[in-house]
Amino acid sequence: MNLAVHFAQECARLGLGEGEKLGLAVSGGPDSLALLVLAQQLMPASIHVATVDHGLRAESAQEAAMVAQVCADLGVPHDTLPVELEAGGNMQARARTARYSALGNWAQRREIRCVATAHHADDLAETLLMRLNRGSGLPGLAAMRDRAPMPGRKDITLIRPLLTLPRADLAEVVERAGLEPADDPSNADPAYDRARIRAGLAEADWLDPMRLAASALHLRDAADILEFAARHEFAAQVTMSEDGGQFAYNPAGPRAVRFRVLEEIVARLATEGSPRGEQLARLMEALETGQKATLSGVMCTPRAGSWHFTAAPPRSEG
């Protein structure tokens, strides 16, 4: 397979117009350096590179400077985007939010409509195993989309043109280019689920990451079908008060469809955070057995085969 041609075909399929600017998110790791090399081979005059420096490791500034130098050698515009993160909480989640915020602002300044990341087939395989181990439902098991609005920025499209390529092929691209990628020690730190899954995959030669990735893509198709069915169920079986504060649902579809409709109704009315999947599952079980329940500030009441939802009354103090 000619990976550069594959990359160009995928970018076109994902909506990148001929001669249009393409932003690249390049951290300095082997996957993102491969993305840079492939893009520079095919569209050297159209690409712009950004490296987000979270400042979480002492080496991060050096890695950003390395990417800047590689881009200078290739004649590609590059910007380093520093972000500041406060300590505590889910650091990885907050780093992801800050990263996409910085990339979105950068793309807007550069008048870039599409930004590419280097997610690949091994990422899909690892994520699938992680989610299976957590007991995730269909939406969680489905592969990430190869094209989607950037989180928090509907005006910027995030594309992933390498999703069907294995990590090993991308490493060869970097090696042939004579580049030395950055090594993020967290990728091998057993404190992180993904690092443990990655190590397990490497040891289990009977597991094929490409086949796991293919399964994740099939599950994405199935999740799309479920979402399609849930939208139709919602339109046909849900009524809403004029002020949007009350819902009545006459469940008719399969259980997975009912679950998704229930999730949507609760999300629209919730005043006390977003419920987790297991909480919604317990709520649906209660409704199916005729029990009243409250979740995320939503009072849910079964009545003669239908389910009714409204804001729960204020909690009494003292």
C-alpha atoms as a PDB file:
ATOM      1  CA  MET A   1       0.000   0.000   0.000  1.00  0.00           C
ATOM      2  CA  ASN A   2       1.277   3.465  -0.891  1.00  0.00           C
ATOM      3  CA  LEU A   3       0.565   5.227   2.372  1.00  0.00           C
ATOM      4  CA  ALA A   4       0.898   8.733   0.950  1.00  0.00           C
ATOM      5  CA  VAL A   5      -1.699   7.992  -1.729  1.00  0.00           C
ATOM      6  CA  HIS A   6      -3.932   6.360   0.893  1.00  0.00           C
ATOM      7  CA  PHE A   7      -3.608   9.483   3.032  1.00  0.00           C
ATOM      8  CA  ALA A   8      -4.564  11.756   0.127  1.00  0.00           C
ATOM      9  CA  GLN A   9      -7.565   9.589  -0.773  1.00  0.00           C
ATOM     10  CA  GLU A  10      -8.786   9.564   2.808  1.00  0.00           C
ATOM     11  CA  CYS A  11      -8.459  13.345   3.133  1.00  0.00           C
ATOM     12  CA  ALA A  12     -10.510  13.805  -0.038  1.00  0.00           C
ATOM     13  CA  ARG A  13     -13.120  11.306   1.166  1.00  0.00           C
ATOM     14  CA  LEU A  14     -13.367  13.153   4.472  1.00  0.00           C
ATOM     15  CA  GLY A  15     -14.162  16.430   2.727  1.00  0.00           C
ATOM     16  CA  LEU A  16     -10.836  18.229   2.274  1.00  0.00           C
ATOM     17  CA  GLY A  17     -11.008  20.221  -0.954  1.00  0.00           C
ATOM     18  CA  GLU A  18      -8.153  20.289  -3.464  1.00  0.00           C
ATOM     19  CA  GLY A  19      -5.677  22.997  -2.487  1.00  0.00           C
ATOM     20  CA  GLU A  20      -7.531  23.685   0.782  1.00  0.00           C
ATOM     21  CA  LYS A  21      -5.520  24.356   3.935  1.00  0.00           C
ATOM     22  CA  LEU A  22      -5.101  21.383   6.265  1.00  0.00           C
ATOM     23  CA  GLY A  23      -4.110  21.754   9.894  1.00  0.00           C
ATOM     24  CA  LEU A  24      -2.068  18.987  11.490  1.00  0.00           C
ATOM     25  CA  ALA A  25      -1.907  18.291  15.216  1.00  0.00           C
ATOM     26  CA  VAL A  26       1.656  17.023  15.722  1.00  0.00           C
ATOM     27  CA  SER A  27       2.958  16.187  19.190  1.00  0.00           C
ATOM     28  CA  GLY A  28       6.320  14.782  18.120  1.00  0.00           C
ATOM     29  CA  GLY A  29       5.432  11.141  18.744  1.00  0.00           C
ATOM     30  CA  PRO A  30       5.858   8.561  15.966  1.00  0.00           C
ATOM     31  CA  ASP A  31       2.209   8.580  14.871  1.00  0.00           C
ATOM     32  CA  SER A  32       1.889  12.344  14.474  1.00  0.00           C
ATOM     33  CA  LEU A  33       5.316  12.622  12.818  1.00  0.00           C
ATOM     34  CA  ALA A  34       4.137  10.047  10.272  1.00  0.00           C
ATOM     35  CA  LEU A  35       1.054  12.218   9.676  1.00  0.00           C
ATOM     36  CA  LEU A  36       3.349  15.185   9.035  1.00  0.00           C
ATOM     37  CA  VAL A  37       5.626  13.266   6.654  1.00  0.00           C
ATOM     38  CA  LEU A  38       2.738  11.858   4.607  1.00  0.00           C
ATOM     39  CA  ALA A  39       1.015  15.246   4.376  1.00  0.00           C
ATOM     40  CA  GLN A  40       4.230  16.998   3.368  1.00  0.00           C
ATOM     41  CA  GLN A  41       4.795  14.477   0.573  1.00  0.00           C
ATOM     42  CA  LEU A  42       1.335  15.056  -0.906  1.00  0.00           C
ATOM     43  CA  MET A  43       0.371  18.648  -0.141  1.00  0.00           C
ATOM     44  CA  PRO A  44       3.430  20.598   1.042  1.00  0.00           C
ATOM     45  CA  ALA A  45       1.950  24.017   0.214  1.00  0.00           C
ATOM     46  CA  SER A  46      -1.352  23.396   2.005  1.00  0.00           C
ATOM     47  CA  ILE A  47      -0.416  22.175   5.477  1.00  0.00           C
ATOM     48  CA  HIS A  48       0.038  24.064   8.731  1.00  0.00           C
ATOM     49  CA  VAL A  49       1.243  22.359  11.900  1.00  0.00           C
ATOM     50  CA  ALA A  50       0.427  23.002  15.551  1.00  0.00           C
ATOM     51  CA  THR A  51       1.991  21.417  18.624  1.00  0.00           C
ATOM     52  CA  VAL A  52       0.125  21.762  21.911  1.00  0.00           C
ATOM     53  CA  ASP A  53       2.478  22.084  24.884  1.00  0.00           C
ATOM     54  CA  HIS A  54       0.554  21.111  28.023  1.00  0.00           C
ATOM     55  CA  GLY A  55       3.594  21.764  30.203  1.00  0.00           C
ATOM     56  CA  LEU A  56       2.918  18.571  32.146  1.00  0.00           C
ATOM     57  CA  ARG A  57       6.403  17.142  31.590  1.00  0.00           C
ATOM     58  CA  ALA A  58       9.794  18.829  31.626  1.00  0.00           C
ATOM     59  CA  GLU A  59      10.464  17.442  28.132  1.00  0.00           C
ATOM     60  CA  SER A  60       7.349  18.905  26.516  1.00  0.00           C
ATOM     61  CA  ALA A  61       8.946  22.208  25.512  1.00  0.00           C
ATOM     62  CA  GLN A  62      11.870  20.324  23.949  1.00  0.00           C
ATOM     63  CA  GLU A  63       9.479  18.100  22.019  1.00  0.00           C
ATOM     64  CA  ALA A  64       7.592  21.120  20.687  1.00  0.00           C
ATOM     65  CA  ALA A  65      10.901  22.682  19.646  1.00  0.00           C
ATOM     66  CA  MET A  66      11.843  19.431  17.887  1.00  0.00           C
ATOM     67  CA  VAL A  67       8.617  19.484  15.874  1.00  0.00           C
ATOM     68  CA  ALA A  68       9.219  23.140  15.042  1.00  0.00           C
ATOM     69  CA  GLN A  69      12.676  22.261  13.719  1.00  0.00           C
ATOM     70  CA  VAL A  70      11.377  19.347  11.640  1.00  0.00           C
ATOM     71  CA  CYS A  71       8.756  21.649  10.144  1.00  0.00           C
ATOM     72  CA  ALA A  72      11.395  24.298   9.404  1.00  0.00           C
ATOM     73  CA  ASP A  73      13.495  21.655   7.622  1.00  0.00           C
ATOM     74  CA  LEU A  74      10.439  20.616   5.595  1.00  0.00           C
ATOM     75  CA  GLY A  75       9.364  24.186   4.858  1.00  0.00           C
ATOM     76  CA  VAL A  76       6.082  23.816   6.731  1.00  0.00           C
ATOM     77  CA  PRO A  77       4.560  26.577   8.933  1.00  0.00           C
ATOM     78  CA  HIS A  78       4.481  25.624  12.609  1.00  0.00           C
ATOM     79  CA  ASP A  79       3.028  27.083  15.803  1.00  0.00           C
ATOM     80  CA  THR A  80       3.510  25.958  19.388  1.00  0.00           C
ATOM     81  CA  LEU A  81       0.357  26.346  21.463  1.00  0.00           C
ATOM     82  CA  PRO A  82       1.087  26.501  25.216  1.00  0.00           C
ATOM     83  CA  VAL A  83      -1.760  25.663  27.586  1.00  0.00           C
ATOM     84  CA  GLU A  84      -1.897  25.831  31.373  1.00  0.00           C
ATOM     85  CA  LEU A  85      -3.587  23.158  33.467  1.00  0.00           C
ATOM     86  CA  GLU A  86      -4.328  23.386  37.164  1.00  0.00           C
ATOM     87  CA  ALA A  87      -3.435  20.404  39.312  1.00  0.00           C
ATOM     88  CA  GLY A  88      -6.023  17.910  40.510  1.00  0.00           C
ATOM     89  CA  GLY A  89      -9.020  16.121  39.052  1.00  0.00           C
ATOM     90  CA  ASN A  90      -8.980  14.056  35.889  1.00  0.00           C
ATOM     91  CA  MET A  91      -5.844  15.511  34.344  1.00  0.00           C
ATOM     92  CA  GLN A  92      -6.095  13.554  31.095  1.00  0.00           C
ATOM     93  CA  ALA A  93      -9.670  14.701  30.474  1.00  0.00           C
ATOM     94  CA  ARG A  94      -8.822  18.323  31.214  1.00  0.00           C
ATOM     95  CA  ALA A  95      -5.712  18.131  29.028  1.00  0.00           C
ATOM     96  CA  ARG A  96      -7.848  16.828  26.157  1.00  0.00           C
ATOM     97  CA  THR A  97     -10.351  19.672  26.562  1.00  0.00           C
ATOM     98  CA  ALA A  98      -7.572  22.264  26.693  1.00  0.00           C
ATOM     99  CA  ARG A  99      -5.849  20.708  23.681  1.00  0.00           C
ATOM    100  CA  TYR A 100      -8.899  20.887  21.454  1.00  0.00           C
ATOM    101  CA  SER A 101      -9.692  24.404  22.643  1.00  0.00           C
ATOM    102  CA  ALA A 102      -6.180  25.553  21.714  1.00  0.00           C
ATOM    103  CA  LEU A 103      -6.308  23.757  18.348  1.00  0.00           C
ATOM    104  CA  GLY A 104      -9.723  25.227  17.558  1.00  0.00           C
ATOM    105  CA  ASN A 105      -8.602  28.783  18.309  1.00  0.00           C
ATOM    106  CA  TRP A 106      -5.431  28.258  16.285  1.00  0.00           C
ATOM    107  CA  ALA A 107      -7.352  26.887  13.303  1.00  0.00           C
ATOM    108  CA  GLN A 108      -9.713  29.859  13.382  1.00  0.00           C
ATOM    109  CA  ARG A 109      -6.783  32.312  13.405  1.00  0.00           C
ATOM    110  CA  ARG A 110      -5.138  30.469  10.528  1.00  0.00           C
ATOM    111  CA  GLU A 111      -8.451  30.269   8.607  1.00  0.00           C
ATOM    112  CA  ILE A 112      -8.220  26.462   8.598  1.00  0.00           C
ATOM    113  CA  ARG A 113     -11.453  24.486   8.279  1.00  0.00           C
ATOM    114  CA  CYS A 114     -10.058  20.935   8.737  1.00  0.00           C
ATOM    115  CA  VAL A 115      -7.574  19.704  11.338  1.00  0.00           C
ATOM    116  CA  ALA A 116      -6.141  16.176  11.091  1.00  0.00           C
ATOM    117  CA  THR A 117      -4.986  14.010  13.971  1.00  0.00           C
ATOM    118  CA  ALA A 118      -2.925  10.812  13.799  1.00  0.00           C
ATOM    119  CA  HIS A 119      -5.316   8.331  15.431  1.00  0.00           C
ATOM    120  CA  HIS A 120      -4.845   4.904  13.837  1.00  0.00           C
ATOM    121  CA  ALA A 121      -6.140   1.333  13.872  1.00  0.00           C
ATOM    122  CA  ASP A 122      -4.209   0.295  16.990  1.00  0.00           C
ATOM    123  CA  ASP A 123      -5.869   3.160  18.871  1.00  0.00           C
ATOM    124  CA  LEU A 124      -9.260   1.725  17.899  1.00  0.00           C
ATOM    125  CA  ALA A 125      -8.244  -1.762  19.074  1.00  0.00           C
ATOM    126  CA  GLU A 126      -6.953  -0.489  22.424  1.00  0.00           C
ATOM    127  CA  THR A 127     -10.031   1.654  23.042  1.00  0.00           C
ATOM    128  CA  LEU A 128     -12.361  -1.239  22.219  1.00  0.00           C
ATOM    129  CA  LEU A 129     -10.653  -3.513  24.768  1.00  0.00           C
ATOM    130  CA  MET A 130     -10.628  -0.762  27.399  1.00  0.00           C
ATOM    131  CA  ARG A 131     -14.348  -0.139  26.952  1.00  0.00           C
ATOM    132  CA  LEU A 132     -15.171  -3.850  26.934  1.00  0.00           C
ATOM    133  CA  ASN A 133     -13.351  -4.185  30.228  1.00  0.00           C
ATOM    134  CA  ARG A 134     -15.507  -1.370  31.646  1.00  0.00           C
ATOM    135  CA  GLY A 135     -18.757  -2.947  30.497  1.00  0.00           C
ATOM    136  CA  SER A 136     -19.553  -0.136  28.050  1.00  0.00           C
ATOM    137  CA  GLY A 137     -22.647  -0.216  25.882  1.00  0.00           C
ATOM    138  CA  LEU A 138     -22.772   0.016  22.119  1.00  0.00           C
ATOM    139  CA  PRO A 139     -22.038   3.773  21.804  1.00  0.00           C
ATOM    140  CA  GLY A 140     -18.939   3.367  23.987  1.00  0.00           C
ATOM    141  CA  LEU A 141     -17.676   0.343  22.055  1.00  0.00           C
ATOM    142  CA  ALA A 142     -18.094   2.002  18.651  1.00  0.00           C
ATOM    143  CA  ALA A 143     -15.006   3.349  16.920  1.00  0.00           C
ATOM    144  CA  MET A 144     -14.299   7.070  17.017  1.00  0.00           C
ATOM    145  CA  ARG A 145     -15.525   8.841  13.917  1.00  0.00           C
ATOM    146  CA  ASP A 146     -13.123   9.618  11.085  1.00  0.00           C
ATOM    147  CA  ARG A 147     -14.855  12.985  10.633  1.00  0.00           C
ATOM    148  CA  ALA A 148     -16.574  15.041  13.341  1.00  0.00           C
ATOM    149  CA  PRO A 149     -16.859  18.602  14.622  1.00  0.00           C
ATOM    150  CA  MET A 150     -13.935  19.487  16.843  1.00  0.00           C
ATOM    151  CA  PRO A 151     -15.075  19.303  20.490  1.00  0.00           C
ATOM    152  CA  GLY A 152     -16.378  22.722  21.449  1.00  0.00           C
ATOM    153  CA  ARG A 153     -15.954  24.105  17.912  1.00  0.00           C
ATOM    154  CA  LYS A 154     -18.659  23.304  15.378  1.00  0.00           C
ATOM    155  CA  ASP A 155     -16.948  25.531  12.801  1.00  0.00           C
ATOM    156  CA  ILE A 156     -13.819  23.337  12.703  1.00  0.00           C
ATOM    157  CA  THR A 157     -13.886  19.769  11.358  1.00  0.00           C
ATOM    158  CA  LEU A 158     -11.652  17.146  12.946  1.00  0.00           C
ATOM    159  CA  ILE A 159     -10.557  14.428  10.517  1.00  0.00           C
ATOM    160  CA  ARG A 160      -8.666  11.190  11.176  1.00  0.00           C
ATOM    161  CA  PRO A 161      -7.281   9.972   7.822  1.00  0.00           C
ATOM    162  CA  LEU A 162      -5.071   7.242   9.350  1.00  0.00           C
ATOM    163  CA  LEU A 163      -7.741   5.243  11.215  1.00  0.00           C
ATOM    164  CA  THR A 164      -7.389   2.120   9.053  1.00  0.00           C
ATOM    165  CA  LEU A 165      -3.563   2.027   9.206  1.00  0.00           C
ATOM    166  CA  PRO A 166      -1.562   0.072  11.806  1.00  0.00           C
ATOM    167  CA  ARG A 167       0.915   1.728  14.157  1.00  0.00           C
ATOM    168  CA  ALA A 168       3.779  -0.336  12.719  1.00  0.00           C
ATOM    169  CA  ASP A 169       3.292   1.103   9.212  1.00  0.00           C
ATOM    170  CA  LEU A 170       3.380   4.641  10.573  1.00  0.00           C
ATOM    171  CA  ALA A 171       6.573   3.892  12.506  1.00  0.00           C
ATOM    172  CA  GLU A 172       8.190   2.767   9.239  1.00  0.00           C
ATOM    173  CA  VAL A 173       7.250   6.071   7.604  1.00  0.00           C
ATOM    174  CA  VAL A 174       9.065   7.971  10.355  1.00  0.00           C
ATOM    175  CA  GLU A 175      12.088   5.662  10.231  1.00  0.00           C
ATOM    176  CA  ARG A 176      12.426   6.005   6.451  1.00  0.00           C
ATOM    177  CA  ALA A 177      12.267   9.788   6.843  1.00  0.00           C
ATOM    178  CA  GLY A 178      15.233   9.637   9.221  1.00  0.00           C
ATOM    179  CA  LEU A 179      13.343  11.252  12.101  1.00  0.00           C
ATOM    180  CA  GLU A 180      13.696  10.466  15.801  1.00  0.00           C
ATOM    181  CA  PRO A 181      10.266  10.680  17.463  1.00  0.00           C
ATOM    182  CA  ALA A 182       9.675  11.863  20.998  1.00  0.00           C
ATOM    183  CA  ASP A 183       9.073   9.202  23.636  1.00  0.00           C
ATOM    184  CA  ASP A 184       6.267   9.952  26.072  1.00  0.00           C
ATOM    185  CA  PRO A 185       6.864   7.693  29.115  1.00  0.00           C
ATOM    186  CA  SER A 186       3.160   7.737  29.971  1.00  0.00           C
ATOM    187  CA  ASN A 187       2.561   5.497  26.935  1.00  0.00           C
ATOM    188  CA  ALA A 188       4.222   2.667  28.868  1.00  0.00           C
ATOM    189  CA  ASP A 189       3.146   3.644  32.382  1.00  0.00           C
ATOM    190  CA  PRO A 190       1.009   0.812  33.861  1.00  0.00           C
ATOM    191  CA  ALA A 191      -0.848   3.401  35.927  1.00  0.00           C
ATOM    192  CA  TYR A 192      -2.877   4.129  32.791  1.00  0.00           C
ATOM    193  CA  ASP A 193      -5.472   1.724  31.368  1.00  0.00           C
ATOM    194  CA  ARG A 194      -4.356   2.285  27.782  1.00  0.00           C
ATOM    195  CA  ALA A 195      -0.727   1.493  28.584  1.00  0.00           C
ATOM    196  CA  ARG A 196      -1.751  -1.789  30.266  1.00  0.00           C
ATOM    197  CA  ILE A 197      -3.985  -2.736  27.322  1.00  0.00           C
ATOM    198  CA  ARG A 198      -1.202  -1.882  24.860  1.00  0.00           C
ATOM    199  CA  ALA A 199       1.258  -4.074  26.743  1.00  0.00           C
ATOM    200  CA  GLY A 200      -1.272  -6.910  26.870  1.00  0.00           C
ATOM    201  CA  LEU A 201      -1.885  -6.704  23.123  1.00  0.00           C
ATOM    202  CA  ALA A 202       1.850  -6.832  22.461  1.00  0.00           C
ATOM    203  CA  GLU A 203       2.179 -10.007  24.533  1.00  0.00           C
ATOM    204  CA  ALA A 204      -0.926 -11.739  23.107  1.00  0.00           C
ATOM    205  CA  ASP A 205       0.139 -12.630  19.568  1.00  0.00           C
ATOM    206  CA  TRP A 206      -3.207 -14.402  19.047  1.00  0.00           C
ATOM    207  CA  LEU A 207      -4.993 -11.027  19.214  1.00  0.00           C
ATOM    208  CA  ASP A 208      -4.951  -9.084  15.946  1.00  0.00           C
ATOM    209  CA  PRO A 209      -5.288  -5.298  16.498  1.00  0.00           C
ATOM    210  CA  MET A 210      -6.408  -4.791  12.894  1.00  0.00           C
ATOM    211  CA  ARG A 211      -9.306  -7.237  13.334  1.00  0.00           C
ATOM    212  CA  LEU A 212     -10.230  -5.600  16.638  1.00  0.00           C
ATOM    213  CA  ALA A 213     -10.186  -2.224  14.881  1.00  0.00           C
ATOM    214  CA  ALA A 214     -12.438  -3.621  12.146  1.00  0.00           C
ATOM    215  CA  SER A 215     -14.876  -4.789  14.820  1.00  0.00           C
ATOM    216  CA  ALA A 216     -14.888  -1.309  16.356  1.00  0.00           C
ATOM    217  CA  LEU A 217     -15.757   0.146  12.941  1.00  0.00           C
ATOM    218  CA  HIS A 218     -18.603  -2.374  12.540  1.00  0.00           C
ATOM    219  CA  LEU A 219     -19.853  -1.362  15.975  1.00  0.00           C
ATOM    220  CA  ARG A 220     -19.805   2.263  14.842  1.00  0.00           C
ATOM    221  CA  ASP A 221     -22.161   1.315  12.006  1.00  0.00           C
ATOM    222  CA  ALA A 222     -24.406  -0.481  14.486  1.00  0.00           C
ATOM    223  CA  ALA A 223     -24.372   2.526  16.822  1.00  0.00           C
ATOM    224  CA  ASP A 224     -25.446   4.747  13.929  1.00  0.00           C
ATOM    225  CA  ILE A 225     -28.379   2.412  13.245  1.00  0.00           C
ATOM    226  CA  LEU A 226     -29.346   2.536  16.935  1.00  0.00           C
ATOM    227  CA  GLU A 227     -29.217   6.332  16.911  1.00  0.00           C
ATOM    228  CA  PHE A 228     -31.357   6.425  13.764  1.00  0.00           C
ATOM    229  CA  ALA A 229     -33.953   4.152  15.369  1.00  0.00           C
ATOM    230  CA  ALA A 230     -33.917   6.152  18.614  1.00  0.00           C
ATOM    231  CA  ARG A 231     -34.574   9.414  16.761  1.00  0.00           C
ATOM    232  CA  HIS A 232     -37.587   7.828  15.077  1.00  0.00           C
ATOM    233  CA  GLU A 233     -38.824   6.396  18.388  1.00  0.00           C
ATOM    234  CA  PHE A 234     -38.467   9.786  20.040  1.00  0.00           C
ATOM    235  CA  ALA A 235     -40.390  11.538  17.254  1.00  0.00           C
ATOM    236  CA  ALA A 236     -43.187   8.953  17.253  1.00  0.00           C
ATOM    237  CA  GLN A 237     -43.542   8.061  20.932  1.00  0.00           C
ATOM    238  CA  VAL A 238     -42.507  11.116  22.956  1.00  0.00           C
ATOM    239  CA  THR A 239     -44.682  14.147  23.646  1.00  0.00           C
ATOM    240  CA  MET A 240     -43.431  17.315  25.279  1.00  0.00           C
ATOM    241  CA  SER A 241     -45.180  20.175  27.050  1.00  0.00           C
ATOM    242  CA  GLU A 242     -45.103  23.585  25.390  1.00  0.00           C
ATOM    243  CA  ASP A 243     -42.544  24.900  27.858  1.00  0.00           C
ATOM    244  CA  GLY A 244     -40.329  21.827  27.407  1.00  0.00           C
ATOM    245  CA  GLY A 245     -40.467  21.016  31.115  1.00  0.00           C
ATOM    246  CA  GLN A 246     -42.435  17.769  30.912  1.00  0.00           C
ATOM    247  CA  PHE A 247     -42.111  14.674  28.735  1.00  0.00           C
ATOM    248  CA  ALA A 248     -44.308  11.608  28.276  1.00  0.00           C
ATOM    249  CA  TYR A 249     -42.866   8.522  26.587  1.00  0.00           C
ATOM    250  CA  ASN A 250     -44.812   5.485  25.373  1.00  0.00           C
ATOM    251  CA  PRO A 251     -41.989   2.967  24.848  1.00  0.00           C
ATOM    252  CA  ALA A 252     -42.429   0.769  21.775  1.00  0.00           C
ATOM    253  CA  GLY A 253     -38.996  -0.090  20.375  1.00  0.00           C
ATOM    254  CA  PRO A 254     -36.401  -2.675  21.469  1.00  0.00           C
ATOM    255  CA  ARG A 255     -34.734  -2.232  24.828  1.00  0.00           C
ATOM    256  CA  ALA A 256     -31.587  -0.597  23.412  1.00  0.00           C
ATOM    257  CA  VAL A 257     -33.743   1.965  21.619  1.00  0.00           C
ATOM    258  CA  ARG A 258     -35.787   2.636  24.766  1.00  0.00           C
ATOM    259  CA  PHE A 259     -32.579   3.127  26.737  1.00  0.00           C
ATOM    260  CA  ARG A 260     -31.304   5.704  24.239  1.00  0.00           C
ATOM    261  CA  VAL A 261     -34.605   7.617  24.276  1.00  0.00           C
ATOM    262  CA  LEU A 262     -34.614   7.568  28.087  1.00  0.00           C
ATOM    263  CA  GLU A 263     -31.046   8.894  28.070  1.00  0.00           C
ATOM    264  CA  GLU A 264     -32.066  11.764  25.771  1.00  0.00           C
ATOM    265  CA  ILE A 265     -35.077  12.770  27.880  1.00  0.00           C
ATOM    266  CA  VAL A 266     -33.094  12.760  31.124  1.00  0.00           C
ATOM    267  CA  ALA A 267     -30.292  14.766  29.463  1.00  0.00           C
ATOM    268  CA  ARG A 268     -32.791  17.439  28.412  1.00  0.00           C
ATOM    269  CA  LEU A 269     -34.268  17.813  31.886  1.00  0.00           C
ATOM    270  CA  ALA A 270     -31.243  17.097  34.111  1.00  0.00           C
ATOM    271  CA  THR A 271     -30.313  19.768  36.644  1.00  0.00           C
ATOM    272  CA  GLU A 272     -27.846  17.770  38.751  1.00  0.00           C
ATOM    273  CA  GLY A 273     -25.122  16.618  36.397  1.00  0.00           C
ATOM    274  CA  SER A 274     -25.022  13.953  33.695  1.00  0.00           C
ATOM    275  CA  PRO A 275     -25.942  10.410  34.818  1.00  0.00           C
ATOM    276  CA  ARG A 276     -23.682   7.469  34.061  1.00  0.00           C
ATOM    277  CA  GLY A 277     -24.772   4.463  32.026  1.00  0.00           C
ATOM    278  CA  GLU A 278     -25.286   2.195  35.023  1.00  0.00           C
ATOM    279  CA  GLN A 279     -27.486   4.831  36.686  1.00  0.00           C
ATOM    280  CA  LEU A 280     -29.670   5.056  33.579  1.00  0.00           C
ATOM    281  CA  ALA A 281     -29.857   1.255  33.447  1.00  0.00           C
ATOM    282  CA  ARG A 282     -31.149   1.161  37.039  1.00  0.00           C
ATOM    283  CA  LEU A 283     -33.646   3.904  36.194  1.00  0.00           C
ATOM    284  CA  MET A 284     -34.995   1.986  33.225  1.00  0.00           C
ATOM    285  CA  GLU A 285     -35.306  -1.185  35.297  1.00  0.00           C
ATOM    286  CA  ALA A 286     -37.292   0.756  37.894  1.00  0.00           C
ATOM    287  CA  LEU A 287     -39.647   2.197  35.271  1.00  0.00           C
ATOM    288  CA  GLU A 288     -40.120  -1.183  33.605  1.00  0.00           C
ATOM    289  CA  THR A 289     -41.181  -2.672  36.944  1.00  0.00           C
ATOM    290  CA  GLY A 290     -43.594   0.180  37.714  1.00  0.00           C
ATOM    291  CA  GLN A 291     -41.423   1.997  40.249  1.00  0.00           C
ATOM    292  CA  LYS A 292     -41.065   5.753  40.524  1.00  0.00           C
ATOM    293  CA  ALA A 293     -37.505   7.078  40.584  1.00  0.00           C
ATOM    294  CA  THR A 294     -35.482  10.301  40.497  1.00  0.00           C
ATOM    295  CA  LEU A 295     -32.185  10.800  38.663  1.00  0.00           C
ATOM    296  CA  SER A 296     -30.103  13.948  38.049  1.00  0.00           C
ATOM    297  CA  GLY A 297     -32.916  16.140  39.298  1.00  0.00           C
ATOM    298  CA  VAL A 298     -35.510  14.463  37.047  1.00  0.00           C
ATOM    299  CA  MET A 299     -38.593  12.806  38.543  1.00  0.00           C
ATOM    300  CA  CYS A 300     -39.585   9.739  36.493  1.00  0.00           C
ATOM    301  CA  THR A 301     -43.026   8.202  36.975  1.00  0.00           C
ATOM    302  CA  PRO A 302     -44.535   5.145  35.228  1.00  0.00           C
ATOM    303  CA  ARG A 303     -48.290   5.350  34.482  1.00  0.00           C
ATOM    304  CA  ALA A 304     -50.273   2.666  32.653  1.00  0.00           C
ATOM    305  CA  GLY A 305     -47.524   1.723  30.224  1.00  0.00           C
ATOM    306  CA  SER A 306     -46.124   5.217  29.675  1.00  0.00           C
ATOM    307  CA  TRP A 307     -43.263   7.010  31.420  1.00  0.00           C
ATOM    308  CA  HIS A 308     -43.561  10.620  32.564  1.00  0.00           C
ATOM    309  CA  PHE A 309     -40.711  13.012  33.322  1.00  0.00           C
ATOM    310  CA  THR A 310     -40.544  16.396  35.019  1.00  0.00           C
ATOM    311  CA  ALA A 311     -38.244  18.339  37.290  1.00  0.00           C
ATOM    312  CA  ALA A 312     -37.998  16.844  40.739  1.00  0.00           C
ATOM    313  CA  PRO A 313     -39.272  19.071  43.594  1.00  0.00           C
ATOM    314  CA  PRO A 314     -36.605  20.949  45.561  1.00  0.00           C
ATOM    315  CA  ARG A 315     -35.015  18.949  48.326  1.00  0.00           C
ATOM    316  CA  SER A 316     -36.034  19.984  51.798  1.00  0.00           C
ATOM    317  CA  GLU A 317     -33.245  21.356  53.951  1.00  0.00           C
ATOM    318  CA  GLY A 318     -32.456  20.210  57.432  1.00  0.00           C
END
